[in-house]
Amino acid sequence: MSSERAATTDPAAPPPVPVSVSVSTHILDTSAGRPAAGVGVELDVRTGGTAQWSAHAASVTDADGRCKDLPVLPQGTAHARLTFAVGPYHSEGPDEEGERGGFFPEVTVVFAVAPGEHYHVPLLLNPFGYSVYRGS
């Protein structure tokens, strides 16, 4: 038996370190050219395509449009869902034409995750459209 194999089967060996998955996000208001502060964000998780969603965390974007307090995902997470409550953000004040509100009350993004990865999911937002992508 090699020493490598002995090390992996040694009952006195410490358990393997879990590999974490982390998520971060930020919102940029492309119509105003600035970060979107004060937007509520919910993070939900599930273990597979047919599993039920579980609430994992909630946050609010800071002055830089970022949620810096989202916790790592639970072991076994296969999918994550970010829900951005953008309706209240768009109803805060009139746009250039004096109109209020936006088209989307919320934006929901679902994505697959893998152990050991970090997922940065920026939301580029305006009152009548949005774009998301996997950032770095």
N, C-alpha and C. Protein backbone atom coordinates (compact mmCIF):
# COMPACT_ATOMS: atom_id res chain seq x y z
N MET A 1 0.85 -1.17 0.00
CA MET A 1 0.00 0.00 0.00
C MET A 1 0.90 1.24 0.00
N SER A 2 0.62 2.16 -0.90
CA SER A 2 1.43 3.37 -0.96
C SER A 2 1.07 4.30 0.18
N SER A 3 1.99 5.21 0.48
CA SER A 3 1.73 6.16 1.57
C SER A 3 0.59 7.11 1.19
N GLU A 4 0.42 7.39 -0.11
CA GLU A 4 -0.68 8.25 -0.55
C GLU A 4 -2.03 7.60 -0.24
N ARG A 5 -2.14 6.31 -0.56
CA ARG A 5 -3.39 5.60 -0.28
C ARG A 5 -3.62 5.50 1.22
N ALA A 6 -2.57 5.24 1.98
CA ALA A 6 -2.71 5.13 3.42
C ALA A 6 -3.20 6.44 4.02
N ALA A 7 -2.74 7.55 3.47
CA ALA A 7 -3.15 8.85 4.00
C ALA A 7 -4.63 9.10 3.76
N THR A 8 -5.17 8.61 2.66
CA THR A 8 -6.57 8.86 2.37
C THR A 8 -7.50 7.93 3.12
N THR A 9 -7.00 6.81 3.61
CA THR A 9 -7.86 5.87 4.34
C THR A 9 -7.59 5.89 5.84
N ASP A 10 -6.70 6.73 6.30
CA ASP A 10 -6.35 6.82 7.71
C ASP A 10 -7.52 7.41 8.49
N PRO A 11 -8.11 6.66 9.43
CA PRO A 11 -9.25 7.18 10.18
C PRO A 11 -8.89 8.38 11.06
N ALA A 12 -7.61 8.56 11.35
CA ALA A 12 -7.19 9.71 12.16
C ALA A 12 -6.99 10.96 11.32
N ALA A 13 -7.03 10.81 10.00
CA ALA A 13 -6.84 11.96 9.12
C ALA A 13 -8.01 12.93 9.26
N PRO A 14 -7.73 14.23 9.17
CA PRO A 14 -8.83 15.20 9.26
C PRO A 14 -9.77 15.05 8.07
N PRO A 15 -11.04 15.39 8.24
CA PRO A 15 -11.97 15.30 7.11
C PRO A 15 -11.59 16.29 6.03
N PRO A 16 -11.97 16.01 4.79
CA PRO A 16 -11.64 16.94 3.72
C PRO A 16 -12.33 18.29 3.95
N VAL A 17 -11.66 19.32 3.51
CA VAL A 17 -12.21 20.67 3.64
C VAL A 17 -13.30 20.85 2.59
N PRO A 18 -14.51 21.28 3.00
CA PRO A 18 -15.57 21.49 2.01
C PRO A 18 -15.18 22.58 1.01
N VAL A 19 -15.57 22.39 -0.22
CA VAL A 19 -15.29 23.37 -1.26
C VAL A 19 -16.50 24.29 -1.36
N SER A 20 -16.29 25.57 -1.12
CA SER A 20 -17.41 26.50 -1.08
C SER A 20 -17.70 27.12 -2.45
N VAL A 21 -18.91 27.61 -2.58
CA VAL A 21 -19.36 28.33 -3.76
C VAL A 21 -19.84 29.69 -3.28
N SER A 22 -19.36 30.75 -3.90
CA SER A 22 -19.77 32.09 -3.48
C SER A 22 -20.41 32.85 -4.64
N VAL A 23 -21.27 33.79 -4.26
CA VAL A 23 -22.00 34.61 -5.23
C VAL A 23 -21.86 36.07 -4.81
N SER A 24 -21.61 36.93 -5.78
CA SER A 24 -21.65 38.38 -5.55
C SER A 24 -22.39 39.02 -6.71
N THR A 25 -22.86 40.22 -6.48
CA THR A 25 -23.60 40.91 -7.53
C THR A 25 -23.47 42.41 -7.36
N HIS A 26 -23.74 43.13 -8.41
CA HIS A 26 -23.92 44.57 -8.32
C HIS A 26 -24.83 45.01 -9.46
N ILE A 27 -25.43 46.18 -9.26
CA ILE A 27 -26.38 46.70 -10.24
C ILE A 27 -25.89 48.06 -10.71
N LEU A 28 -25.82 48.23 -12.02
CA LEU A 28 -25.49 49.51 -12.61
C LEU A 28 -26.71 50.02 -13.37
N ASP A 29 -27.13 51.23 -13.05
CA ASP A 29 -28.26 51.87 -13.72
C ASP A 29 -27.70 52.53 -14.98
N THR A 30 -27.91 51.89 -16.13
CA THR A 30 -27.33 52.40 -17.37
C THR A 30 -28.04 53.65 -17.89
N SER A 31 -29.25 53.91 -17.41
CA SER A 31 -29.95 55.13 -17.84
C SER A 31 -29.43 56.36 -17.09
N ALA A 32 -28.91 56.15 -15.89
CA ALA A 32 -28.40 57.27 -15.09
C ALA A 32 -26.88 57.30 -15.06
N GLY A 33 -26.25 56.22 -15.51
CA GLY A 33 -24.80 56.17 -15.50
C GLY A 33 -24.20 56.08 -14.11
N ARG A 34 -24.90 55.36 -13.21
CA ARG A 34 -24.41 55.24 -11.83
C ARG A 34 -24.87 53.92 -11.23
N PRO A 35 -24.29 53.54 -10.09
CA PRO A 35 -24.76 52.33 -9.41
C PRO A 35 -26.19 52.50 -8.92
N ALA A 36 -26.91 51.40 -8.82
CA ALA A 36 -28.29 51.42 -8.31
C ALA A 36 -28.26 51.04 -6.83
N ALA A 37 -28.38 52.03 -5.97
CA ALA A 37 -28.35 51.82 -4.52
C ALA A 37 -29.75 51.57 -3.99
N GLY A 38 -29.83 50.78 -2.93
CA GLY A 38 -31.10 50.57 -2.23
C GLY A 38 -32.03 49.54 -2.85
N VAL A 39 -31.52 48.69 -3.72
CA VAL A 39 -32.35 47.66 -4.37
C VAL A 39 -32.29 46.37 -3.54
N GLY A 40 -33.44 45.83 -3.22
CA GLY A 40 -33.50 44.56 -2.49
C GLY A 40 -33.11 43.40 -3.38
N VAL A 41 -32.33 42.48 -2.82
CA VAL A 41 -31.86 41.30 -3.55
C VAL A 41 -32.08 40.07 -2.68
N GLU A 42 -32.69 39.04 -3.26
CA GLU A 42 -32.87 37.77 -2.57
C GLU A 42 -32.06 36.70 -3.27
N LEU A 43 -31.45 35.82 -2.49
CA LEU A 43 -30.66 34.71 -3.02
C LEU A 43 -31.30 33.42 -2.55
N ASP A 44 -31.75 32.60 -3.50
CA ASP A 44 -32.35 31.30 -3.21
C ASP A 44 -31.47 30.22 -3.82
N VAL A 45 -31.58 29.00 -3.28
CA VAL A 45 -30.77 27.88 -3.75
C VAL A 45 -31.63 26.63 -3.90
N ARG A 46 -31.16 25.69 -4.73
CA ARG A 46 -31.78 24.36 -4.81
C ARG A 46 -30.70 23.35 -5.18
N THR A 47 -30.98 22.09 -4.88
CA THR A 47 -29.99 21.05 -5.09
C THR A 47 -30.07 20.39 -6.47
N GLY A 48 -31.08 20.68 -7.24
CA GLY A 48 -31.21 20.11 -8.58
C GLY A 48 -32.37 20.73 -9.31
N GLY A 49 -32.53 20.36 -10.58
CA GLY A 49 -33.54 20.96 -11.43
C GLY A 49 -34.98 20.76 -10.98
N THR A 50 -35.25 19.70 -10.24
CA THR A 50 -36.63 19.45 -9.79
C THR A 50 -36.82 19.72 -8.30
N ALA A 51 -35.75 20.09 -7.62
CA ALA A 51 -35.84 20.36 -6.17
C ALA A 51 -36.55 21.69 -5.92
N GLN A 52 -37.08 21.83 -4.73
CA GLN A 52 -37.73 23.08 -4.33
C GLN A 52 -36.67 24.14 -4.03
N TRP A 53 -37.01 25.39 -4.29
CA TRP A 53 -36.12 26.50 -3.94
C TRP A 53 -36.18 26.73 -2.43
N SER A 54 -35.04 27.09 -1.87
CA SER A 54 -34.95 27.46 -0.45
C SER A 54 -34.37 28.86 -0.35
N ALA A 55 -34.99 29.70 0.46
CA ALA A 55 -34.44 31.04 0.70
C ALA A 55 -33.09 30.89 1.40
N HIS A 56 -32.10 31.61 0.94
CA HIS A 56 -30.76 31.50 1.53
C HIS A 56 -30.30 32.82 2.15
N ALA A 57 -30.57 33.95 1.48
CA ALA A 57 -30.11 35.24 1.99
C ALA A 57 -30.91 36.36 1.35
N ALA A 58 -30.89 37.50 2.01
CA ALA A 58 -31.49 38.72 1.46
C ALA A 58 -30.55 39.87 1.79
N SER A 59 -30.49 40.83 0.89
CA SER A 59 -29.59 41.95 1.07
C SER A 59 -30.17 43.17 0.36
N VAL A 60 -29.49 44.29 0.48
CA VAL A 60 -29.86 45.52 -0.21
C VAL A 60 -28.57 46.10 -0.78
N THR A 61 -28.62 46.57 -2.02
CA THR A 61 -27.42 47.13 -2.63
C THR A 61 -26.99 48.39 -1.89
N ASP A 62 -25.67 48.56 -1.77
CA ASP A 62 -25.11 49.73 -1.09
C ASP A 62 -24.94 50.88 -2.09
N ALA A 63 -24.25 51.93 -1.68
CA ALA A 63 -24.06 53.11 -2.53
C ALA A 63 -23.31 52.79 -3.81
N ASP A 64 -22.52 51.71 -3.81
CA ASP A 64 -21.81 51.28 -5.01
C ASP A 64 -22.62 50.29 -5.83
N GLY A 65 -23.88 50.03 -5.44
CA GLY A 65 -24.73 49.09 -6.14
C GLY A 65 -24.39 47.64 -5.87
N ARG A 66 -23.63 47.38 -4.81
CA ARG A 66 -23.15 46.02 -4.51
C ARG A 66 -23.80 45.44 -3.27
N CYS A 67 -23.92 44.12 -3.26
CA CYS A 67 -24.32 43.36 -2.06
C CYS A 67 -23.06 42.65 -1.59
N LYS A 68 -22.46 43.16 -0.54
CA LYS A 68 -21.19 42.61 -0.06
C LYS A 68 -21.38 41.57 1.03
N ASP A 69 -22.62 41.30 1.43
CA ASP A 69 -22.85 40.42 2.58
C ASP A 69 -23.54 39.10 2.23
N LEU A 70 -23.51 38.68 0.97
CA LEU A 70 -24.13 37.41 0.62
C LEU A 70 -23.26 36.26 1.10
N PRO A 71 -23.83 35.30 1.85
CA PRO A 71 -23.03 34.19 2.38
C PRO A 71 -22.73 33.14 1.32
N VAL A 72 -21.73 32.30 1.60
CA VAL A 72 -21.43 31.19 0.68
C VAL A 72 -22.66 30.28 0.60
N LEU A 73 -22.75 29.54 -0.49
CA LEU A 73 -23.89 28.66 -0.71
C LEU A 73 -23.73 27.37 0.07
N PRO A 74 -24.84 26.73 0.45
CA PRO A 74 -24.74 25.46 1.16
C PRO A 74 -24.13 24.37 0.28
N GLN A 75 -23.48 23.40 0.92
CA GLN A 75 -22.95 22.25 0.18
C GLN A 75 -24.09 21.57 -0.57
N GLY A 76 -23.83 21.11 -1.77
CA GLY A 76 -24.84 20.41 -2.57
C GLY A 76 -25.70 21.31 -3.43
N THR A 77 -25.46 22.63 -3.39
CA THR A 77 -26.24 23.54 -4.22
C THR A 77 -25.90 23.31 -5.69
N ALA A 78 -26.92 23.16 -6.52
CA ALA A 78 -26.73 22.98 -7.96
C ALA A 78 -27.13 24.23 -8.74
N HIS A 79 -28.14 24.95 -8.22
CA HIS A 79 -28.63 26.15 -8.89
C HIS A 79 -28.82 27.27 -7.87
N ALA A 80 -28.58 28.48 -8.32
CA ALA A 80 -28.82 29.66 -7.49
C ALA A 80 -29.77 30.58 -8.24
N ARG A 81 -30.54 31.35 -7.48
CA ARG A 81 -31.49 32.29 -8.08
C ARG A 81 -31.35 33.63 -7.36
N LEU A 82 -31.06 34.67 -8.13
CA LEU A 82 -31.04 36.03 -7.62
C LEU A 82 -32.30 36.73 -8.09
N THR A 83 -33.01 37.35 -7.16
CA THR A 83 -34.20 38.13 -7.50
C THR A 83 -33.95 39.57 -7.06
N PHE A 84 -33.97 40.47 -8.02
CA PHE A 84 -33.73 41.88 -7.78
C PHE A 84 -35.07 42.61 -7.77
N ALA A 85 -35.42 43.26 -6.68
CA ALA A 85 -36.69 44.01 -6.57
C ALA A 85 -36.47 45.41 -7.13
N VAL A 86 -36.54 45.54 -8.45
CA VAL A 86 -36.21 46.81 -9.10
C VAL A 86 -37.39 47.76 -9.22
N GLY A 87 -38.61 47.27 -9.02
CA GLY A 87 -39.79 48.14 -9.13
C GLY A 87 -39.71 49.36 -8.24
N PRO A 88 -39.46 49.20 -6.95
CA PRO A 88 -39.37 50.38 -6.07
C PRO A 88 -38.23 51.33 -6.47
N TYR A 89 -37.13 50.79 -6.96
CA TYR A 89 -36.02 51.64 -7.39
C TYR A 89 -36.46 52.56 -8.53
N HIS A 90 -37.18 52.02 -9.50
CA HIS A 90 -37.62 52.83 -10.65
C HIS A 90 -38.74 53.80 -10.30
N SER A 91 -39.46 53.55 -9.24
CA SER A 91 -40.57 54.44 -8.89
C SER A 91 -40.14 55.58 -7.97
N GLU A 92 -38.84 55.67 -7.65
CA GLU A 92 -38.35 56.71 -6.74
C GLU A 92 -38.46 58.11 -7.31
N GLY A 93 -38.33 58.26 -8.59
CA GLY A 93 -38.37 59.61 -9.16
C GLY A 93 -38.66 59.57 -10.64
N PRO A 94 -38.98 60.71 -11.21
CA PRO A 94 -39.30 60.77 -12.64
C PRO A 94 -38.06 60.60 -13.51
N ASP A 95 -38.30 60.08 -14.72
CA ASP A 95 -37.21 59.98 -15.68
C ASP A 95 -37.07 61.31 -16.44
N GLU A 96 -36.30 61.31 -17.53
CA GLU A 96 -36.05 62.54 -18.28
C GLU A 96 -37.32 63.18 -18.82
N GLU A 97 -38.33 62.37 -19.13
CA GLU A 97 -39.60 62.89 -19.67
C GLU A 97 -40.61 63.18 -18.56
N GLY A 98 -40.21 63.04 -17.31
CA GLY A 98 -41.13 63.30 -16.21
C GLY A 98 -42.00 62.12 -15.85
N GLU A 99 -41.76 60.96 -16.46
CA GLU A 99 -42.56 59.76 -16.17
C GLU A 99 -41.94 58.98 -15.02
N ARG A 100 -42.78 58.23 -14.33
CA ARG A 100 -42.31 57.42 -13.20
C ARG A 100 -42.45 55.94 -13.54
N GLY A 101 -41.64 55.15 -12.88
CA GLY A 101 -41.79 53.71 -12.97
C GLY A 101 -40.97 53.09 -14.08
N GLY A 102 -40.98 51.78 -14.07
CA GLY A 102 -40.27 51.00 -15.06
C GLY A 102 -41.15 49.84 -15.49
N PHE A 103 -40.70 49.10 -16.44
CA PHE A 103 -41.47 48.00 -17.01
C PHE A 103 -41.40 46.74 -16.15
N PHE A 104 -40.27 46.49 -15.50
CA PHE A 104 -40.06 45.26 -14.74
C PHE A 104 -40.18 45.51 -13.24
N PRO A 105 -41.11 44.85 -12.55
CA PRO A 105 -41.16 44.98 -11.09
C PRO A 105 -40.02 44.24 -10.41
N GLU A 106 -39.55 43.17 -11.06
CA GLU A 106 -38.40 42.43 -10.54
C GLU A 106 -37.67 41.76 -11.69
N VAL A 107 -36.42 41.45 -11.44
CA VAL A 107 -35.60 40.71 -12.40
C VAL A 107 -35.10 39.47 -11.67
N THR A 108 -35.34 38.30 -12.28
CA THR A 108 -34.92 37.04 -11.68
C THR A 108 -33.90 36.36 -12.60
N VAL A 109 -32.79 35.94 -12.01
CA VAL A 109 -31.72 35.28 -12.75
C VAL A 109 -31.44 33.94 -12.09
N VAL A 110 -31.53 32.85 -12.86
CA VAL A 110 -31.26 31.51 -12.36
C VAL A 110 -30.01 31.00 -13.08
N PHE A 111 -29.08 30.42 -12.32
CA PHE A 111 -27.85 29.93 -12.93
C PHE A 111 -27.34 28.69 -12.19
N ALA A 112 -26.62 27.86 -12.94
CA ALA A 112 -26.01 26.64 -12.38
C ALA A 112 -24.70 27.00 -11.71
N VAL A 113 -24.38 26.26 -10.63
CA VAL A 113 -23.13 26.50 -9.91
C VAL A 113 -22.35 25.19 -9.76
N ALA A 114 -21.05 25.32 -9.60
CA ALA A 114 -20.17 24.16 -9.40
C ALA A 114 -19.29 24.42 -8.18
N PRO A 115 -18.95 23.37 -7.44
CA PRO A 115 -18.12 23.54 -6.25
C PRO A 115 -16.79 24.24 -6.55
N GLY A 116 -16.40 25.10 -5.64
CA GLY A 116 -15.11 25.78 -5.75
C GLY A 116 -15.11 27.01 -6.63
N GLU A 117 -16.24 27.37 -7.19
CA GLU A 117 -16.31 28.52 -8.09
C GLU A 117 -16.87 29.75 -7.38
N HIS A 118 -16.53 30.91 -7.93
CA HIS A 118 -17.15 32.17 -7.50
C HIS A 118 -17.96 32.69 -8.68
N TYR A 119 -19.15 33.15 -8.40
CA TYR A 119 -20.04 33.66 -9.44
C TYR A 119 -20.36 35.11 -9.15
N HIS A 120 -19.89 36.00 -10.03
CA HIS A 120 -20.23 37.41 -9.93
C HIS A 120 -21.25 37.68 -11.03
N VAL A 121 -22.43 38.16 -10.63
CA VAL A 121 -23.54 38.33 -11.56
C VAL A 121 -23.97 39.80 -11.58
N PRO A 122 -23.37 40.60 -12.47
CA PRO A 122 -23.77 42.00 -12.58
C PRO A 122 -25.10 42.13 -13.33
N LEU A 123 -25.88 43.11 -12.91
CA LEU A 123 -27.14 43.45 -13.58
C LEU A 123 -27.01 44.86 -14.12
N LEU A 124 -27.10 45.00 -15.43
CA LEU A 124 -27.12 46.31 -16.09
C LEU A 124 -28.58 46.64 -16.32
N LEU A 125 -29.04 47.72 -15.72
CA LEU A 125 -30.47 47.99 -15.61
C LEU A 125 -30.84 49.35 -16.16
N ASN A 126 -31.99 49.41 -16.83
CA ASN A 126 -32.63 50.67 -17.16
C ASN A 126 -34.13 50.44 -16.99
N PRO A 127 -34.96 51.47 -17.04
CA PRO A 127 -36.38 51.28 -16.75
C PRO A 127 -37.10 50.29 -17.66
N PHE A 128 -36.60 50.07 -18.87
CA PHE A 128 -37.32 49.22 -19.82
C PHE A 128 -36.50 48.07 -20.37
N GLY A 129 -35.39 47.76 -19.73
CA GLY A 129 -34.57 46.64 -20.17
C GLY A 129 -33.48 46.33 -19.17
N TYR A 130 -32.87 45.17 -19.35
CA TYR A 130 -31.76 44.79 -18.49
C TYR A 130 -30.90 43.75 -19.20
N SER A 131 -29.70 43.58 -18.69
CA SER A 131 -28.78 42.57 -19.18
C SER A 131 -28.01 42.02 -17.99
N VAL A 132 -27.75 40.73 -18.00
CA VAL A 132 -26.94 40.10 -16.96
C VAL A 132 -25.87 39.25 -17.63
N TYR A 133 -24.80 38.99 -16.91
CA TYR A 133 -23.74 38.15 -17.42
C TYR A 133 -22.93 37.62 -16.25
N ARG A 134 -22.10 36.62 -16.52
CA ARG A 134 -21.19 36.14 -15.47
C ARG A 134 -19.92 36.98 -15.56
N GLY A 135 -19.71 37.75 -14.53
CA GLY A 135 -18.52 38.59 -14.46
C GLY A 135 -17.38 37.88 -13.77
N SER A 136 -16.41 38.67 -13.34
CA SER A 136 -15.26 38.08 -12.65
C SER A 136 -15.01 38.78 -11.33
